[in-house]
Amino acid sequence: MVESHDHNDIRYIKLGLKIAYYRKMSGLTQEQLAERIGINSRYLSQVESPTFVQPISLKTLFAAADIFQIPPYKLLNFDE
């Protein structure tokens, strides 16, 4: 279960939710997105989970943004 999170943990959770949002808007499954990015689908599941803090690399963030055809900052803008 989710315990207390520091500020960066909350950012990782929000980032994962953004990735899930854009993935769904793109009509991709977790397996399809993971394959295109070159990561494990279980890892992507952890990234997208709001109850699990899973940091991601810039390489993964940039690859996801490229697949979604959005600028990378969109994934980091939590005010939208």
PDB file of N, CA and C in Angstrom:
ATOM      1  N   MET A   1       0.836  -1.181   0.000  1.00  0.00           N
ATOM      2  CA  MET A   1       0.000   0.000   0.000  1.00  0.00           C
ATOM      3  C   MET A   1       0.879   1.242   0.000  1.00  0.00           C
ATOM      4  N   VAL A   2       0.303   2.351  -0.398  1.00  0.00           N
ATOM      5  CA  VAL A   2       1.051   3.600  -0.475  1.00  0.00           C
ATOM      6  C   VAL A   2       1.315   4.131   0.924  1.00  0.00           C
ATOM      7  N   GLU A   3       2.581   4.391   1.202  1.00  0.00           N
ATOM      8  CA  GLU A   3       2.946   5.023   2.457  1.00  0.00           C
ATOM      9  C   GLU A   3       3.242   6.483   2.149  1.00  0.00           C
ATOM     10  N   SER A   4       3.761   7.214   3.127  1.00  0.00           N
ATOM     11  CA  SER A   4       4.056   8.613   2.877  1.00  0.00           C
ATOM     12  C   SER A   4       5.124   8.729   1.793  1.00  0.00           C
ATOM     13  N   HIS A   5       4.949   9.702   0.930  1.00  0.00           N
ATOM     14  CA  HIS A   5       5.866   9.909  -0.187  1.00  0.00           C
ATOM     15  C   HIS A   5       6.512  11.269  -0.074  1.00  0.00           C
ATOM     16  N   ASP A   6       7.770  11.341  -0.507  1.00  0.00           N
ATOM     17  CA  ASP A   6       8.380  12.654  -0.582  1.00  0.00           C
ATOM     18  C   ASP A   6       7.948  13.303  -1.898  1.00  0.00           C
ATOM     19  N   HIS A   7       8.362  14.532  -2.084  1.00  0.00           N
ATOM     20  CA  HIS A   7       7.920  15.318  -3.241  1.00  0.00           C
ATOM     21  C   HIS A   7       8.279  14.637  -4.569  1.00  0.00           C
ATOM     22  N   ASN A   8       9.478  14.070  -4.654  1.00  0.00           N
ATOM     23  CA  ASN A   8       9.871  13.414  -5.897  1.00  0.00           C
ATOM     24  C   ASN A   8       9.084  12.136  -6.140  1.00  0.00           C
ATOM     25  N   ASP A   9       8.755  11.399  -5.089  1.00  0.00           N
ATOM     26  CA  ASP A   9       7.926  10.208  -5.262  1.00  0.00           C
ATOM     27  C   ASP A   9       6.592  10.575  -5.901  1.00  0.00           C
ATOM     28  N   ILE A  10       6.004  11.649  -5.443  1.00  0.00           N
ATOM     29  CA  ILE A  10       4.724  12.100  -6.004  1.00  0.00           C
ATOM     30  C   ILE A  10       4.891  12.466  -7.473  1.00  0.00           C
ATOM     31  N   ARG A  11       6.010  13.062  -7.812  1.00  0.00           N
ATOM     32  CA  ARG A  11       6.273  13.403  -9.226  1.00  0.00           C
ATOM     33  C   ARG A  11       6.384  12.145 -10.072  1.00  0.00           C
ATOM     34  N   TYR A  12       7.051  11.118  -9.566  1.00  0.00           N
ATOM     35  CA  TYR A  12       7.156   9.865 -10.327  1.00  0.00           C
ATOM     36  C   TYR A  12       5.769   9.254 -10.544  1.00  0.00           C
ATOM     37  N   ILE A  13       4.936   9.305  -9.532  1.00  0.00           N
ATOM     38  CA  ILE A  13       3.577   8.770  -9.670  1.00  0.00           C
ATOM     39  C   ILE A  13       2.806   9.573 -10.711  1.00  0.00           C
ATOM     40  N   LYS A  14       2.892  10.893 -10.665  1.00  0.00           N
ATOM     41  CA  LYS A  14       2.196  11.735 -11.648  1.00  0.00           C
ATOM     42  C   LYS A  14       2.726  11.487 -13.052  1.00  0.00           C
ATOM     43  N   LEU A  15       4.037  11.307 -13.172  1.00  0.00           N
ATOM     44  CA  LEU A  15       4.628  11.010 -14.475  1.00  0.00           C
ATOM     45  C   LEU A  15       4.090   9.685 -15.020  1.00  0.00           C
ATOM     46  N   GLY A  16       4.016   8.689 -14.165  1.00  0.00           N
ATOM     47  CA  GLY A  16       3.471   7.400 -14.589  1.00  0.00           C
ATOM     48  C   GLY A  16       2.027   7.505 -15.039  1.00  0.00           C
ATOM     49  N   LEU A  17       1.244   8.313 -14.335  1.00  0.00           N
ATOM     50  CA  LEU A  17      -0.158   8.510 -14.726  1.00  0.00           C
ATOM     51  C   LEU A  17      -0.253   9.237 -16.063  1.00  0.00           C
ATOM     52  N   LYS A  18       0.656  10.178 -16.308  1.00  0.00           N
ATOM     53  CA  LYS A  18       0.689  10.874 -17.601  1.00  0.00           C
ATOM     54  C   LYS A  18       1.017   9.896 -18.724  1.00  0.00           C
ATOM     55  N   ILE A  19       1.990   9.041 -18.486  1.00  0.00           N
ATOM     56  CA  ILE A  19       2.356   8.045 -19.501  1.00  0.00           C
ATOM     57  C   ILE A  19       1.161   7.133 -19.781  1.00  0.00           C
ATOM     58  N   ALA A  20       0.473   6.702 -18.739  1.00  0.00           N
ATOM     59  CA  ALA A  20      -0.712   5.853 -18.924  1.00  0.00           C
ATOM     60  C   ALA A  20      -1.776   6.586 -19.732  1.00  0.00           C
ATOM     61  N   TYR A  21      -1.983   7.863 -19.431  1.00  0.00           N
ATOM     62  CA  TYR A  21      -2.986   8.669 -20.143  1.00  0.00           C
ATOM     63  C   TYR A  21      -2.657   8.734 -21.637  1.00  0.00           C
ATOM     64  N   TYR A  22      -1.430   9.127 -21.960  1.00  0.00           N
ATOM     65  CA  TYR A  22      -1.059   9.253 -23.374  1.00  0.00           C
ATOM     66  C   TYR A  22      -1.025   7.891 -24.065  1.00  0.00           C
ATOM     67  N   ARG A  23      -0.662   6.851 -23.346  1.00  0.00           N
ATOM     68  CA  ARG A  23      -0.668   5.510 -23.937  1.00  0.00           C
ATOM     69  C   ARG A  23      -2.081   5.118 -24.338  1.00  0.00           C
ATOM     70  N   LYS A  24      -3.024   5.357 -23.439  1.00  0.00           N
ATOM     71  CA  LYS A  24      -4.422   5.020 -23.729  1.00  0.00           C
ATOM     72  C   LYS A  24      -4.972   5.882 -24.855  1.00  0.00           C
ATOM     73  N   MET A  25      -4.607   7.167 -24.855  1.00  0.00           N
ATOM     74  CA  MET A  25      -5.054   8.062 -25.932  1.00  0.00           C
ATOM     75  C   MET A  25      -4.486   7.634 -27.286  1.00  0.00           C
ATOM     76  N   SER A  26      -3.326   6.971 -27.257  1.00  0.00           N
ATOM     77  CA  SER A  26      -2.697   6.483 -28.483  1.00  0.00           C
ATOM     78  C   SER A  26      -3.214   5.109 -28.893  1.00  0.00           C
ATOM     79  N   GLY A  27      -4.083   4.524 -28.063  1.00  0.00           N
ATOM     80  CA  GLY A  27      -4.660   3.221 -28.378  1.00  0.00           C
ATOM     81  C   GLY A  27      -3.682   2.066 -28.225  1.00  0.00           C
ATOM     82  N   LEU A  28      -2.685   2.237 -27.362  1.00  0.00           N
ATOM     83  CA  LEU A  28      -1.680   1.198 -27.168  1.00  0.00           C
ATOM     84  C   LEU A  28      -1.909   0.447 -25.863  1.00  0.00           C
ATOM     85  N   THR A  29      -1.590  -0.836 -25.864  1.00  0.00           N
ATOM     86  CA  THR A  29      -1.569  -1.597 -24.623  1.00  0.00           C
ATOM     87  C   THR A  29      -0.220  -1.356 -23.950  1.00  0.00           C
ATOM     88  N   GLN A  30      -0.122  -1.752 -22.692  1.00  0.00           N
ATOM     89  CA  GLN A  30       1.167  -1.648 -22.005  1.00  0.00           C
ATOM     90  C   GLN A  30       2.220  -2.485 -22.729  1.00  0.00           C
ATOM     91  N   GLU A  31       1.834  -3.647 -23.195  1.00  0.00           N
ATOM     92  CA  GLU A  31       2.769  -4.527 -23.884  1.00  0.00           C
ATOM     93  C   GLU A  31       3.283  -3.880 -25.170  1.00  0.00           C
ATOM     94  N   GLN A  32       2.377  -3.251 -25.927  1.00  0.00           N
ATOM     95  CA  GLN A  32       2.771  -2.606 -27.182  1.00  0.00           C
ATOM     96  C   GLN A  32       3.714  -1.436 -26.932  1.00  0.00           C
ATOM     97  N   LEU A  33       3.377  -0.589 -25.953  1.00  0.00           N
ATOM     98  CA  LEU A  33       4.230   0.555 -25.655  1.00  0.00           C
ATOM     99  C   LEU A  33       5.586   0.093 -25.145  1.00  0.00           C
ATOM    100  N   ALA A  34       5.587  -0.862 -24.238  1.00  0.00           N
ATOM    101  CA  ALA A  34       6.844  -1.365 -23.684  1.00  0.00           C
ATOM    102  C   ALA A  34       7.746  -1.902 -24.792  1.00  0.00           C
ATOM    103  N   GLU A  35       7.174  -2.638 -25.722  1.00  0.00           N
ATOM    104  CA  GLU A  35       7.957  -3.196 -26.825  1.00  0.00           C
ATOM    105  C   GLU A  35       8.551  -2.089 -27.682  1.00  0.00           C
ATOM    106  N   ARG A  36       7.762  -1.061 -27.975  1.00  0.00           N
ATOM    107  CA  ARG A  36       8.245   0.038 -28.811  1.00  0.00           C
ATOM    108  C   ARG A  36       9.332   0.857 -28.121  1.00  0.00           C
ATOM    109  N   ILE A  37       9.238   0.981 -26.807  1.00  0.00           N
ATOM    110  CA  ILE A  37      10.237   1.738 -26.056  1.00  0.00           C
ATOM    111  C   ILE A  37      11.480   0.882 -25.797  1.00  0.00           C
ATOM    112  N   GLY A  38      11.276  -0.426 -25.743  1.00  0.00           N
ATOM    113  CA  GLY A  38      12.397  -1.324 -25.460  1.00  0.00           C
ATOM    114  C   GLY A  38      12.557  -1.601 -23.976  1.00  0.00           C
ATOM    115  N   ILE A  39      11.417  -1.616 -23.266  1.00  0.00           N
ATOM    116  CA  ILE A  39      11.439  -1.934 -21.839  1.00  0.00           C
ATOM    117  C   ILE A  39      10.510  -3.113 -21.585  1.00  0.00           C
ATOM    118  N   ASN A  40      10.588  -3.657 -20.397  1.00  0.00           N
ATOM    119  CA  ASN A  40       9.750  -4.778 -19.990  1.00  0.00           C
ATOM    120  C   ASN A  40       8.341  -4.272 -19.670  1.00  0.00           C
ATOM    121  N   SER A  41       7.315  -4.997 -20.071  1.00  0.00           N
ATOM    122  CA  SER A  41       5.934  -4.559 -19.814  1.00  0.00           C
ATOM    123  C   SER A  41       5.615  -4.551 -18.324  1.00  0.00           C
ATOM    124  N   ARG A  42       6.260  -5.414 -17.551  1.00  0.00           N
ATOM    125  CA  ARG A  42       6.050  -5.401 -16.096  1.00  0.00           C
ATOM    126  C   ARG A  42       6.591  -4.099 -15.494  1.00  0.00           C
ATOM    127  N   TYR A  43       7.746  -3.671 -15.995  1.00  0.00           N
ATOM    128  CA  TYR A  43       8.332  -2.407 -15.549  1.00  0.00           C
ATOM    129  C   TYR A  43       7.392  -1.249 -15.888  1.00  0.00           C
ATOM    130  N   LEU A  44       6.847  -1.245 -17.103  1.00  0.00           N
ATOM    131  CA  LEU A  44       5.913  -0.190 -17.495  1.00  0.00           C
ATOM    132  C   LEU A  44       4.677  -0.212 -16.606  1.00  0.00           C
ATOM    133  N   SER A  45       4.205  -1.379 -16.270  1.00  0.00           N
ATOM    134  CA  SER A  45       3.058  -1.499 -15.371  1.00  0.00           C
ATOM    135  C   SER A  45       3.363  -0.841 -14.028  1.00  0.00           C
ATOM    136  N   GLN A  46       4.571  -1.040 -13.529  1.00  0.00           N
ATOM    137  CA  GLN A  46       4.975  -0.417 -12.270  1.00  0.00           C
ATOM    138  C   GLN A  46       5.074   1.102 -12.418  1.00  0.00           C
ATOM    139  N   VAL A  47       5.599   1.568 -13.544  1.00  0.00           N
ATOM    140  CA  VAL A  47       5.706   3.010 -13.798  1.00  0.00           C
ATOM    141  C   VAL A  47       4.321   3.644 -13.774  1.00  0.00           C
ATOM    142  N   GLU A  48       3.355   3.004 -14.394  1.00  0.00           N
ATOM    143  CA  GLU A  48       2.003   3.564 -14.514  1.00  0.00           C
ATOM    144  C   GLU A  48       1.167   3.403 -13.249  1.00  0.00           C
ATOM    145  N   SER A  49       1.581   2.568 -12.329  1.00  0.00           N
ATOM    146  CA  SER A  49       0.788   2.301 -11.131  1.00  0.00           C
ATOM    147  C   SER A  49       0.818   3.482 -10.160  1.00  0.00           C
ATOM    148  N   PRO A  50      -0.359   3.963  -9.744  1.00  0.00           N
ATOM    149  CA  PRO A  50      -0.388   5.066  -8.782  1.00  0.00           C
ATOM    150  C   PRO A  50      -0.043   4.637  -7.358  1.00  0.00           C
ATOM    151  N   THR A  51       0.123   3.347  -7.141  1.00  0.00           N
ATOM    152  CA  THR A  51       0.451   2.855  -5.794  1.00  0.00           C
ATOM    153  C   THR A  51       1.886   2.364  -5.687  1.00  0.00           C
ATOM    154  N   PHE A  52       2.682   2.623  -6.730  1.00  0.00           N
ATOM    155  CA  PHE A  52       4.048   2.129  -6.768  1.00  0.00           C
ATOM    156  C   PHE A  52       4.954   3.238  -7.296  1.00  0.00           C
ATOM    157  N   VAL A  53       6.010   3.563  -6.573  1.00  0.00           N
ATOM    158  CA  VAL A  53       6.956   4.581  -7.028  1.00  0.00           C
ATOM    159  C   VAL A  53       8.041   3.896  -7.851  1.00  0.00           C
ATOM    160  N   GLN A  54       8.081   4.217  -9.151  1.00  0.00           N
ATOM    161  CA  GLN A  54       9.072   3.619 -10.042  1.00  0.00           C
ATOM    162  C   GLN A  54       9.716   4.728 -10.871  1.00  0.00           C
ATOM    163  N   PRO A  55      10.938   5.129 -10.526  1.00  0.00           N
ATOM    164  CA  PRO A  55      11.633   6.133 -11.335  1.00  0.00           C
ATOM    165  C   PRO A  55      11.884   5.619 -12.751  1.00  0.00           C
ATOM    166  N   ILE A  56      11.975   6.556 -13.696  1.00  0.00           N
ATOM    167  CA  ILE A  56      12.304   6.185 -15.074  1.00  0.00           C
ATOM    168  C   ILE A  56      13.464   7.046 -15.556  1.00  0.00           C
ATOM    169  N   SER A  57      14.142   6.562 -16.561  1.00  0.00           N
ATOM    170  CA  SER A  57      15.270   7.294 -17.132  1.00  0.00           C
ATOM    171  C   SER A  57      14.772   8.328 -18.140  1.00  0.00           C
ATOM    172  N   LEU A  58      15.628   9.282 -18.437  1.00  0.00           N
ATOM    173  CA  LEU A  58      15.298  10.241 -19.491  1.00  0.00           C
ATOM    174  C   LEU A  58      15.168   9.532 -20.831  1.00  0.00           C
ATOM    175  N   LYS A  59      15.963   8.508 -21.053  1.00  0.00           N
ATOM    176  CA  LYS A  59      15.887   7.735 -22.299  1.00  0.00           C
ATOM    177  C   LYS A  59      14.473   7.176 -22.475  1.00  0.00           C
ATOM    178  N   THR A  60      13.910   6.623 -21.413  1.00  0.00           N
ATOM    179  CA  THR A  60      12.550   6.078 -21.465  1.00  0.00           C
ATOM    180  C   THR A  60      11.528   7.187 -21.661  1.00  0.00           C
ATOM    181  N   LEU A  61      11.704   8.298 -20.952  1.00  0.00           N
ATOM    182  CA  LEU A  61      10.780   9.428 -21.084  1.00  0.00           C
ATOM    183  C   LEU A  61      10.796   9.954 -22.518  1.00  0.00           C
ATOM    184  N   PHE A  62      11.995  10.153 -23.089  1.00  0.00           N
ATOM    185  CA  PHE A  62      12.103  10.664 -24.454  1.00  0.00           C
ATOM    186  C   PHE A  62      11.502   9.679 -25.456  1.00  0.00           C
ATOM    187  N   ALA A  63      11.727   8.392 -25.257  1.00  0.00           N
ATOM    188  CA  ALA A  63      11.183   7.382 -26.169  1.00  0.00           C
ATOM    189  C   ALA A  63       9.660   7.384 -26.130  1.00  0.00           C
ATOM    190  N   ALA A  64       9.089   7.495 -24.938  1.00  0.00           N
ATOM    191  CA  ALA A  64       7.626   7.543 -24.817  1.00  0.00           C
ATOM    192  C   ALA A  64       7.079   8.790 -25.500  1.00  0.00           C
ATOM    193  N   ALA A  65       7.705   9.934 -25.262  1.00  0.00           N
ATOM    194  CA  ALA A  65       7.245  11.179 -25.891  1.00  0.00           C
ATOM    195  C   ALA A  65       7.299  11.063 -27.416  1.00  0.00           C
ATOM    196  N   ASP A  66       8.358  10.460 -27.946  1.00  0.00           N
ATOM    197  CA  ASP A  66       8.468  10.275 -29.395  1.00  0.00           C
ATOM    198  C   ASP A  66       7.335   9.409 -29.926  1.00  0.00           C
ATOM    199  N   ILE A  67       7.015   8.346 -29.215  1.00  0.00           N
ATOM    200  CA  ILE A  67       5.935   7.468 -29.654  1.00  0.00           C
ATOM    201  C   ILE A  67       4.591   8.198 -29.605  1.00  0.00           C
ATOM    202  N   PHE A  68       4.392   9.012 -28.569  1.00  0.00           N
ATOM    203  CA  PHE A  68       3.140   9.764 -28.451  1.00  0.00           C
ATOM    204  C   PHE A  68       3.121  10.988 -29.360  1.00  0.00           C
ATOM    205  N   GLN A  69       4.251  11.298 -29.977  1.00  0.00           N
ATOM    206  CA  GLN A  69       4.411  12.468 -30.841  1.00  0.00           C
ATOM    207  C   GLN A  69       4.075  13.759 -30.095  1.00  0.00           C
ATOM    208  N   ILE A  70       4.649  13.868 -28.907  1.00  0.00           N
ATOM    209  CA  ILE A  70       4.494  15.068 -28.092  1.00  0.00           C
ATOM    210  C   ILE A  70       5.874  15.505 -27.612  1.00  0.00           C
ATOM    211  N   PRO A  71       6.034  16.788 -27.273  1.00  0.00           N
ATOM    212  CA  PRO A  71       7.305  17.200 -26.688  1.00  0.00           C
ATOM    213  C   PRO A  71       7.450  16.587 -25.297  1.00  0.00           C
ATOM    214  N   PRO A  72       8.651  16.195 -24.908  1.00  0.00           N
ATOM    215  CA  PRO A  72       8.850  15.529 -23.612  1.00  0.00           C
ATOM    216  C   PRO A  72       8.322  16.316 -22.420  1.00  0.00           C
ATOM    217  N   TYR A  73       8.363  17.640 -22.495  1.00  0.00           N
ATOM    218  CA  TYR A  73       7.903  18.429 -21.335  1.00  0.00           C
ATOM    219  C   TYR A  73       6.440  18.167 -21.007  1.00  0.00           C
ATOM    220  N   LYS A  74       5.649  17.739 -21.985  1.00  0.00           N
ATOM    221  CA  LYS A  74       4.233  17.456 -21.740  1.00  0.00           C
ATOM    222  C   LYS A  74       4.060  16.362 -20.674  1.00  0.00           C
ATOM    223  N   LEU A  75       4.995  15.424 -20.632  1.00  0.00           N
ATOM    224  CA  LEU A  75       4.918  14.347 -19.654  1.00  0.00           C
ATOM    225  C   LEU A  75       5.289  14.843 -18.250  1.00  0.00           C
ATOM    226  N   LEU A  76       6.007  15.957 -18.199  1.00  0.00           N
ATOM    227  CA  LEU A  76       6.449  16.510 -16.916  1.00  0.00           C
ATOM    228  C   LEU A  76       5.634  17.695 -16.441  1.00  0.00           C
ATOM    229  N   ASN A  77       4.666  18.123 -17.243  1.00  0.00           N
ATOM    230  CA  ASN A  77       3.814  19.245 -16.853  1.00  0.00           C
ATOM    231  C   ASN A  77       2.621  18.694 -16.081  1.00  0.00           C
ATOM    232  N   PHE A  78       2.670  18.830 -14.785  1.00  0.00           N
ATOM    233  CA  PHE A  78       1.632  18.256 -13.923  1.00  0.00           C
ATOM    234  C   PHE A  78       0.495  19.230 -13.643  1.00  0.00           C
ATOM    235  N   ASP A  79       0.535  20.416 -14.249  1.00  0.00           N
ATOM    236  CA  ASP A  79      -0.515  21.415 -14.045  1.00  0.00           C
ATOM    237  C   ASP A  79      -1.640  21.272 -15.066  1.00  0.00           C
ATOM    238  N   GLU A  80      -1.453  20.405 -16.052  1.00  0.00           N
ATOM    239  CA  GLU A  80      -2.469  20.235 -17.106  1.00  0.00           C
ATOM    240  C   GLU A  80      -3.509  19.238 -16.675  1.00  0.00           C
TER     241      GLU A  80
END
